[in-house]
């Protein structure tokens, strides 16, 4: 497999491109993507067998099961980052080693547990995001691995992309395999 082919499998919707100062229409679309993600993920995974869930979406990548559990882990962390940014003055968040989390025993469990987490989490997250004022959308947090603060409005776009990115890992694999 060429580097170009591997890159396409790793980033099936392309690499993340930050939207600086997103418009109201862009924010509405991003929030809709976040809101619909659990349903879309459940629909993409519902027909998969246990063996299919344990298939990697690319050479050297995670299994579909790990991707689903990663989404619950990542989105819980993101929700907390939003709440910290809304309730503290430019807090510094705690990063985590997502690859190590994907190796923990709970990432080998049935996906239903993470799908339930995502259902409840995204319902709360959507309510929070839809309630934000213009000033709240500009609140920030610091990520110690980056050299500039993250603004909430821009981070909403990142998590819309993150949702669609991992969903595409599953749907693209299903299409390639004829599942």
Protein backbone atom coordinates (compact mmCIF):
# COMPACT_ATOMS: atom_id res chain seq x y z
CA UNK A 1 0.00 0.00 0.00
CA UNK A 2 1.37 3.42 -0.94
CA UNK A 3 1.68 6.31 1.49
CA UNK A 4 -1.02 8.13 -0.47
CA UNK A 5 -3.43 5.18 -0.17
CA UNK A 6 -2.70 4.85 3.55
CA UNK A 7 -3.24 8.59 4.06
CA UNK A 8 -6.61 8.34 2.29
CA UNK A 9 -7.66 5.51 4.63
CA UNK A 10 -6.47 7.47 7.67
CA UNK A 11 -8.28 10.66 6.60
CA UNK A 12 -11.28 9.55 4.51
CA UNK A 13 -12.87 13.04 4.63
CA UNK A 14 -9.55 14.87 4.50
CA UNK A 15 -7.47 16.32 7.29
CA UNK A 16 -9.03 18.79 9.69
CA UNK A 17 -9.10 22.37 8.43
CA UNK A 18 -9.87 24.89 11.17
CA UNK A 19 -12.74 27.27 10.49
CA UNK A 20 -11.70 30.64 11.92
CA UNK A 21 -14.62 32.77 13.11
CA UNK A 22 -17.34 30.43 11.84
CA UNK A 23 -20.57 32.04 10.69
CA UNK A 24 -23.90 31.38 12.38
CA UNK A 25 -24.82 29.04 9.51
CA UNK A 26 -21.54 27.13 9.87
CA UNK A 27 -22.05 26.80 13.64
CA UNK A 28 -25.59 25.52 13.09
CA UNK A 29 -24.27 22.89 10.66
CA UNK A 30 -21.44 21.90 13.05
CA UNK A 31 -23.86 21.56 15.98
CA UNK A 32 -26.21 19.50 13.82
CA UNK A 33 -23.34 17.14 12.94
CA UNK A 34 -22.51 16.77 16.63
CA UNK A 35 -26.17 16.22 17.52
CA UNK A 36 -26.75 13.58 14.82
CA UNK A 37 -23.47 11.72 15.33
CA UNK A 38 -24.67 9.09 17.86
CA UNK A 39 -27.61 8.12 15.64
CA UNK A 40 -25.45 8.00 12.52
CA UNK A 41 -22.77 5.97 14.33
CA UNK A 42 -25.35 3.51 15.66
CA UNK A 43 -26.81 3.08 12.16
CA UNK A 44 -23.35 2.50 10.67
CA UNK A 45 -22.48 -0.13 13.28
CA UNK A 46 -25.80 -1.90 13.85
CA UNK A 47 -25.37 -4.49 11.10
CA UNK A 48 -21.76 -5.36 11.92
CA UNK A 49 -20.87 -8.75 13.39
CA UNK A 50 -18.44 -9.11 16.28
CA UNK A 51 -15.73 -10.16 13.81
CA UNK A 52 -16.42 -7.10 11.66
CA UNK A 53 -16.27 -4.84 14.75
CA UNK A 54 -12.82 -6.30 15.43
CA UNK A 55 -11.57 -5.42 11.93
CA UNK A 56 -9.13 -2.53 11.58
CA UNK A 57 -10.26 0.26 9.30
CA UNK A 58 -6.70 0.57 7.90
CA UNK A 59 -3.37 -1.24 8.30
CA UNK A 60 -1.96 -0.28 11.70
CA UNK A 61 -5.23 1.41 12.69
CA UNK A 62 -7.78 0.71 15.37
CA UNK A 63 -10.58 -1.77 15.10
CA UNK A 64 -14.07 -0.43 14.51
CA UNK A 65 -14.83 -1.38 18.13
CA UNK A 66 -11.89 0.74 19.33
CA UNK A 67 -12.98 3.65 17.12
CA UNK A 68 -16.45 3.64 18.70
CA UNK A 69 -15.06 3.48 22.23
CA UNK A 70 -12.53 6.20 21.31
CA UNK A 71 -15.38 8.46 20.23
CA UNK A 72 -17.00 8.11 23.66
CA UNK A 73 -13.66 8.80 25.37
CA UNK A 74 -12.79 11.75 23.16
CA UNK A 75 -16.21 13.35 23.23
CA UNK A 76 -16.45 13.08 27.03
CA UNK A 77 -13.09 14.85 27.25
CA UNK A 78 -14.23 17.49 24.78
CA UNK A 79 -17.49 18.15 26.64
CA UNK A 80 -15.50 18.70 29.82
CA UNK A 81 -13.15 21.08 27.98
CA UNK A 82 -16.14 23.13 26.80
CA UNK A 83 -17.53 23.31 30.33
CA UNK A 84 -14.14 24.30 31.75
CA UNK A 85 -13.83 27.08 29.15
CA UNK A 86 -17.31 28.33 30.03
CA UNK A 87 -16.76 28.33 33.78
CA UNK A 88 -13.10 29.29 34.19
CA UNK A 89 -10.85 31.98 32.77
CA UNK A 90 -8.88 30.39 29.92
CA UNK A 91 -8.20 27.12 31.73
CA UNK A 92 -5.41 24.77 30.75
CA UNK A 93 -6.93 21.39 30.02
CA UNK A 94 -5.41 17.98 30.69
CA UNK A 95 -4.49 16.10 27.53
CA UNK A 96 -4.64 12.30 27.40
CA UNK A 97 -2.95 9.54 25.42
CA UNK A 98 -5.82 8.40 23.19
CA UNK A 99 -3.78 5.50 21.77
CA UNK A 100 -3.19 4.17 25.30
CA UNK A 101 -6.85 4.62 26.22
CA UNK A 102 -7.76 2.56 23.12
CA UNK A 103 -5.74 -0.33 24.56
CA UNK A 104 -7.57 -0.39 27.92
CA UNK A 105 -9.86 -3.35 28.55
CA UNK A 106 -13.03 -1.27 28.26
CA UNK A 107 -12.19 -0.65 24.58
CA UNK A 108 -12.76 -4.35 23.97
CA UNK A 109 -16.25 -4.38 25.48
CA UNK A 110 -19.55 -4.37 23.61
CA UNK A 111 -20.02 -1.13 21.67
CA UNK A 112 -23.49 -0.61 23.13
CA UNK A 113 -22.00 0.85 26.30
CA UNK A 114 -20.22 3.60 24.38
CA UNK A 115 -23.22 4.16 22.12
CA UNK A 116 -25.33 4.79 25.24
CA UNK A 117 -22.71 7.24 26.55
CA UNK A 118 -22.72 9.07 23.22
CA UNK A 119 -26.54 9.25 23.14
CA UNK A 120 -26.75 10.99 26.50
CA UNK A 121 -23.59 13.02 26.12
CA UNK A 122 -24.51 14.43 22.71
CA UNK A 123 -28.01 15.34 23.91
CA UNK A 124 -26.47 17.38 26.74
CA UNK A 125 -23.69 18.74 24.52
CA UNK A 126 -26.15 19.91 21.86
CA UNK A 127 -28.29 21.68 24.47
CA UNK A 128 -25.19 23.41 25.82
CA UNK A 129 -23.91 24.44 22.39
CA UNK A 130 -27.28 25.76 21.24
CA UNK A 131 -27.50 27.94 24.35
CA UNK A 132 -24.18 29.74 23.92
CA UNK A 133 -24.11 33.51 23.52
CA UNK A 134 -21.77 35.27 21.09
CA UNK A 135 -19.44 36.09 24.00
CA UNK A 136 -19.46 32.50 25.26
CA UNK A 137 -18.60 31.21 21.79
CA UNK A 138 -15.38 33.25 21.96
CA UNK A 139 -14.28 31.87 25.34
CA UNK A 140 -11.01 29.94 25.23
CA UNK A 141 -8.99 27.16 26.79
CA UNK A 142 -5.33 26.26 26.52
CA UNK A 143 -4.13 22.88 25.38
CA UNK A 144 -0.56 22.32 26.61
CA UNK A 145 0.45 20.53 23.39
CA UNK A 146 -0.51 23.51 21.19
CA UNK A 147 0.88 27.02 21.08
CA UNK A 148 -2.36 28.97 20.80
CA UNK A 149 -5.61 28.88 22.75
CA UNK A 150 -8.69 27.15 21.36
CA UNK A 151 -11.88 29.21 20.95
CA UNK A 152 -15.14 27.42 21.64
CA UNK A 153 -16.66 28.37 18.27
CA UNK A 154 -13.67 26.97 16.39
CA UNK A 155 -13.55 23.86 18.58
CA UNK A 156 -17.19 23.10 17.73
CA UNK A 157 -16.06 22.78 14.11
CA UNK A 158 -13.21 20.50 15.12
CA UNK A 159 -15.58 18.11 16.87
CA UNK A 160 -18.05 18.13 14.00
CA UNK A 161 -15.10 17.09 11.82
CA UNK A 162 -13.96 14.51 14.43
CA UNK A 163 -17.41 12.93 14.44
CA UNK A 164 -17.60 12.75 10.64
CA UNK A 165 -13.97 11.60 10.40
CA UNK A 166 -14.51 8.54 12.57
CA UNK A 167 -17.92 7.81 11.09
CA UNK A 168 -16.23 7.75 7.67
CA UNK A 169 -13.67 5.21 8.93
CA UNK A 170 -16.58 2.84 9.49
CA UNK A 171 -18.67 3.64 6.42
CA UNK A 172 -15.65 3.59 4.08
CA UNK A 173 -14.53 0.21 5.44
CA UNK A 174 -18.05 -1.19 5.02
CA UNK A 175 -18.09 0.04 1.42
CA UNK A 176 -14.64 -1.40 0.64
CA UNK A 177 -15.58 -4.76 2.15
CA UNK A 178 -19.10 -4.86 0.70
CA UNK A 179 -20.68 -5.13 4.15
